[in-house]
Amino acid sequence: MDRSPIPMTAEGLQKLREEYEHLTGTGRRDMSRRIQAARDLGDLRENAEYDTAKNDQGLMEARIRQLEDFLRRATVMEDAASRGGATTVTIGSTVTVELDGEEETYTIVGPVEARPREGRISNESPVGRALLGHRAGERFDITMPNGAKMQARIKAVRVG
């Protein structure tokens, strides 16, 4: 079992706590009612509703165990503002960067919070890792897993 700390933003930790509270409270109650309603339909050997509800219950319980692990290992990273400024890219920073001539804006988060389609990239991703520690105005290369290099220039760094 992995016991290494999971870096997170305070916002990300709060969202995980809210999901956990929902699943262990309302989620479990609703699932119990759903299973009981399916049970009331009759013969459990050929009851697709019951089988689906039990499968969904298993998936929900697995997610609860995963959230418990994340919450136990979560380490909230100090944001740049609490360290005296937002000039250097850290976890929690929102960065506007030019990558090979295309402007992108990313928020750097821990791997559990990453949602690339929403512009939230992991500090462990190739781009996220490369941005860490740099400041606005800096130019540097990012080497991708396939060996390709991208030219990067940080245009702005801000907290959140």
Protein backbone atom coordinates (compact mmCIF):
# COMPACT_ATOMS: atom_id res chain seq x y z
CA MET A 1 0.00 0.00 0.00
CA ASP A 2 1.39 3.37 -1.04
CA ARG A 3 1.82 5.72 1.91
CA SER A 4 3.47 8.61 0.10
CA PRO A 5 1.94 12.05 0.61
CA ILE A 6 -0.41 13.37 -2.06
CA PRO A 7 0.10 17.07 -2.76
CA MET A 8 -3.16 18.99 -3.02
CA THR A 9 -4.56 22.48 -2.99
CA ALA A 10 -6.82 23.42 -0.07
CA GLU A 11 -9.69 23.70 -2.57
CA GLY A 12 -9.03 20.20 -3.91
CA LEU A 13 -8.93 18.73 -0.41
CA GLN A 14 -12.25 20.39 0.42
CA LYS A 15 -13.86 18.91 -2.72
CA LEU A 16 -12.64 15.43 -1.77
CA ARG A 17 -14.04 15.85 1.75
CA GLU A 18 -17.40 16.95 0.33
CA GLU A 19 -17.53 13.98 -2.05
CA TYR A 20 -16.64 11.62 0.81
CA GLU A 21 -19.33 13.08 3.09
CA HIS A 22 -21.91 12.84 0.32
CA LEU A 23 -21.09 9.22 -0.54
CA THR A 24 -20.94 8.01 3.07
CA GLY A 25 -24.17 9.81 3.95
CA THR A 26 -26.71 10.44 1.21
CA GLY A 27 -25.03 8.08 -1.26
CA ARG A 28 -25.19 5.05 1.02
CA ARG A 29 -28.77 5.81 2.10
CA ASP A 30 -29.92 6.18 -1.51
CA MET A 31 -28.11 3.00 -2.51
CA SER A 32 -29.73 1.08 0.34
CA ARG A 33 -33.18 2.23 -0.80
CA ARG A 34 -32.37 1.34 -4.40
CA ILE A 35 -31.25 -2.18 -3.44
CA GLN A 36 -34.35 -2.67 -1.30
CA ALA A 37 -36.63 -1.52 -4.14
CA ALA A 38 -34.90 -3.95 -6.52
CA ARG A 39 -35.21 -6.74 -3.94
CA ASP A 40 -38.94 -6.06 -3.71
CA LEU A 41 -39.28 -6.84 -7.42
CA GLY A 42 -38.98 -10.56 -6.70
CA ASP A 43 -36.63 -13.39 -7.62
CA LEU A 44 -33.05 -12.17 -7.11
CA ARG A 45 -31.56 -14.80 -9.45
CA GLU A 46 -32.99 -13.07 -12.52
CA ASN A 47 -33.32 -9.51 -11.28
CA ALA A 48 -31.23 -7.16 -13.45
CA GLU A 49 -32.15 -4.12 -11.33
CA TYR A 50 -30.82 -5.85 -8.22
CA ASP A 51 -27.62 -6.96 -9.97
CA THR A 52 -27.03 -3.44 -11.29
CA ALA A 53 -27.70 -1.85 -7.90
CA LYS A 54 -25.30 -4.26 -6.15
CA ASN A 55 -22.63 -3.59 -8.79
CA ASP A 56 -23.11 0.16 -8.39
CA GLN A 57 -22.88 -0.26 -4.62
CA GLY A 58 -19.53 -2.03 -5.04
CA LEU A 59 -18.24 0.79 -7.26
CA MET A 60 -19.40 3.39 -4.74
CA GLU A 61 -17.74 1.55 -1.84
CA ALA A 62 -14.51 1.30 -3.85
CA ARG A 63 -14.62 5.06 -4.44
CA ILE A 64 -15.20 5.62 -0.70
CA ARG A 65 -12.12 3.52 0.12
CA GLN A 66 -10.10 5.46 -2.48
CA LEU A 67 -11.24 8.79 -1.01
CA GLU A 68 -10.34 7.59 2.51
CA ASP A 69 -6.84 6.79 1.25
CA PHE A 70 -6.51 10.17 -0.49
CA LEU A 71 -7.74 12.03 2.59
CA ARG A 72 -5.36 10.12 4.86
CA ARG A 73 -2.36 10.92 2.61
CA ALA A 74 -3.31 14.45 1.50
CA THR A 75 -0.76 17.19 2.11
CA VAL A 76 -2.02 20.69 1.45
CA MET A 77 0.62 22.67 -0.37
CA GLU A 78 1.13 26.26 0.69
CA ASP A 79 0.08 28.62 -2.03
CA ALA A 80 2.45 31.24 -3.36
CA ALA A 81 0.61 34.10 -1.63
CA SER A 82 1.24 32.60 1.81
CA ARG A 83 4.96 32.41 0.99
CA GLY A 84 5.17 36.07 0.08
CA GLY A 85 4.20 36.31 -3.56
CA ALA A 86 3.05 34.63 -6.70
CA THR A 87 6.12 35.10 -8.84
CA THR A 88 7.25 31.47 -9.02
CA VAL A 89 5.14 28.61 -10.36
CA THR A 90 4.11 26.21 -7.58
CA ILE A 91 1.19 23.88 -6.92
CA GLY A 92 -1.87 26.12 -6.82
CA SER A 93 -0.48 28.66 -9.30
CA THR A 94 -2.38 29.59 -12.44
CA VAL A 95 0.08 30.04 -15.27
CA THR A 96 -0.38 31.61 -18.67
CA VAL A 97 2.27 30.11 -20.91
CA GLU A 98 3.11 30.23 -24.57
CA LEU A 99 3.90 26.72 -25.84
CA ASP A 100 5.32 26.61 -29.36
CA GLY A 101 3.51 29.85 -30.14
CA GLU A 102 0.12 28.82 -28.67
CA GLU A 103 -1.08 30.52 -25.49
CA GLU A 104 -2.46 28.23 -22.79
CA THR A 105 -3.54 28.81 -19.20
CA TYR A 106 -3.12 26.05 -16.62
CA THR A 107 -3.62 25.69 -12.91
CA ILE A 108 -0.96 23.42 -11.40
CA VAL A 109 -2.50 20.90 -8.99
CA GLY A 110 -1.63 17.54 -7.44
CA PRO A 111 -2.33 14.38 -9.47
CA VAL A 112 -5.60 13.60 -7.67
CA GLU A 113 -7.06 16.99 -8.66
CA ALA A 114 -5.88 17.01 -12.28
CA ARG A 115 -8.57 17.68 -14.90
CA PRO A 116 -6.65 18.52 -18.11
CA ARG A 117 -9.80 19.38 -20.09
CA GLU A 118 -10.54 22.03 -17.45
CA GLY A 119 -6.99 23.40 -17.55
CA ARG A 120 -6.00 21.77 -14.23
CA ILE A 121 -2.77 19.87 -14.87
CA SER A 122 -0.80 17.69 -12.49
CA ASN A 123 2.52 18.78 -11.08
CA GLU A 124 3.69 15.31 -12.18
CA SER A 125 2.71 15.75 -15.86
CA PRO A 126 5.52 16.66 -18.29
CA VAL A 127 4.26 20.23 -18.75
CA GLY A 128 3.32 20.72 -15.08
CA ARG A 129 6.68 19.43 -13.87
CA ALA A 130 8.54 21.64 -16.35
CA LEU A 131 6.64 24.79 -15.29
CA LEU A 132 7.38 24.42 -11.57
CA GLY A 133 9.93 26.86 -10.22
CA HIS A 134 9.89 29.17 -13.24
CA ARG A 135 8.86 32.85 -13.25
CA ALA A 136 7.01 35.13 -15.62
CA GLY A 137 9.17 36.07 -18.60
CA GLU A 138 11.35 32.96 -18.49
CA ARG A 139 11.90 30.90 -21.64
CA PHE A 140 12.83 27.22 -21.55
CA ASP A 141 12.32 23.91 -23.35
CA ILE A 142 9.97 21.15 -22.23
CA THR A 143 10.88 17.60 -23.23
CA MET A 144 7.81 15.44 -23.81
CA PRO A 145 7.73 11.66 -23.13
CA ASN A 146 8.12 10.94 -26.85
CA GLY A 147 11.34 13.00 -26.91
CA ALA A 148 9.83 16.00 -28.70
CA LYS A 149 10.77 19.41 -27.36
CA MET A 150 8.39 22.33 -26.91
CA GLN A 151 9.51 25.91 -26.46
CA ALA A 152 7.83 27.58 -23.49
CA ARG A 153 7.62 31.16 -22.29
CA ILE A 154 5.75 32.00 -19.11
CA LYS A 155 3.64 35.10 -19.64
CA ALA A 156 1.99 35.38 -16.20
CA VAL A 157 1.83 33.60 -12.84
CA ARG A 158 -0.96 34.19 -10.34
CA VAL A 159 -2.33 32.47 -7.27
CA GLY A 160 -5.49 30.45 -7.90
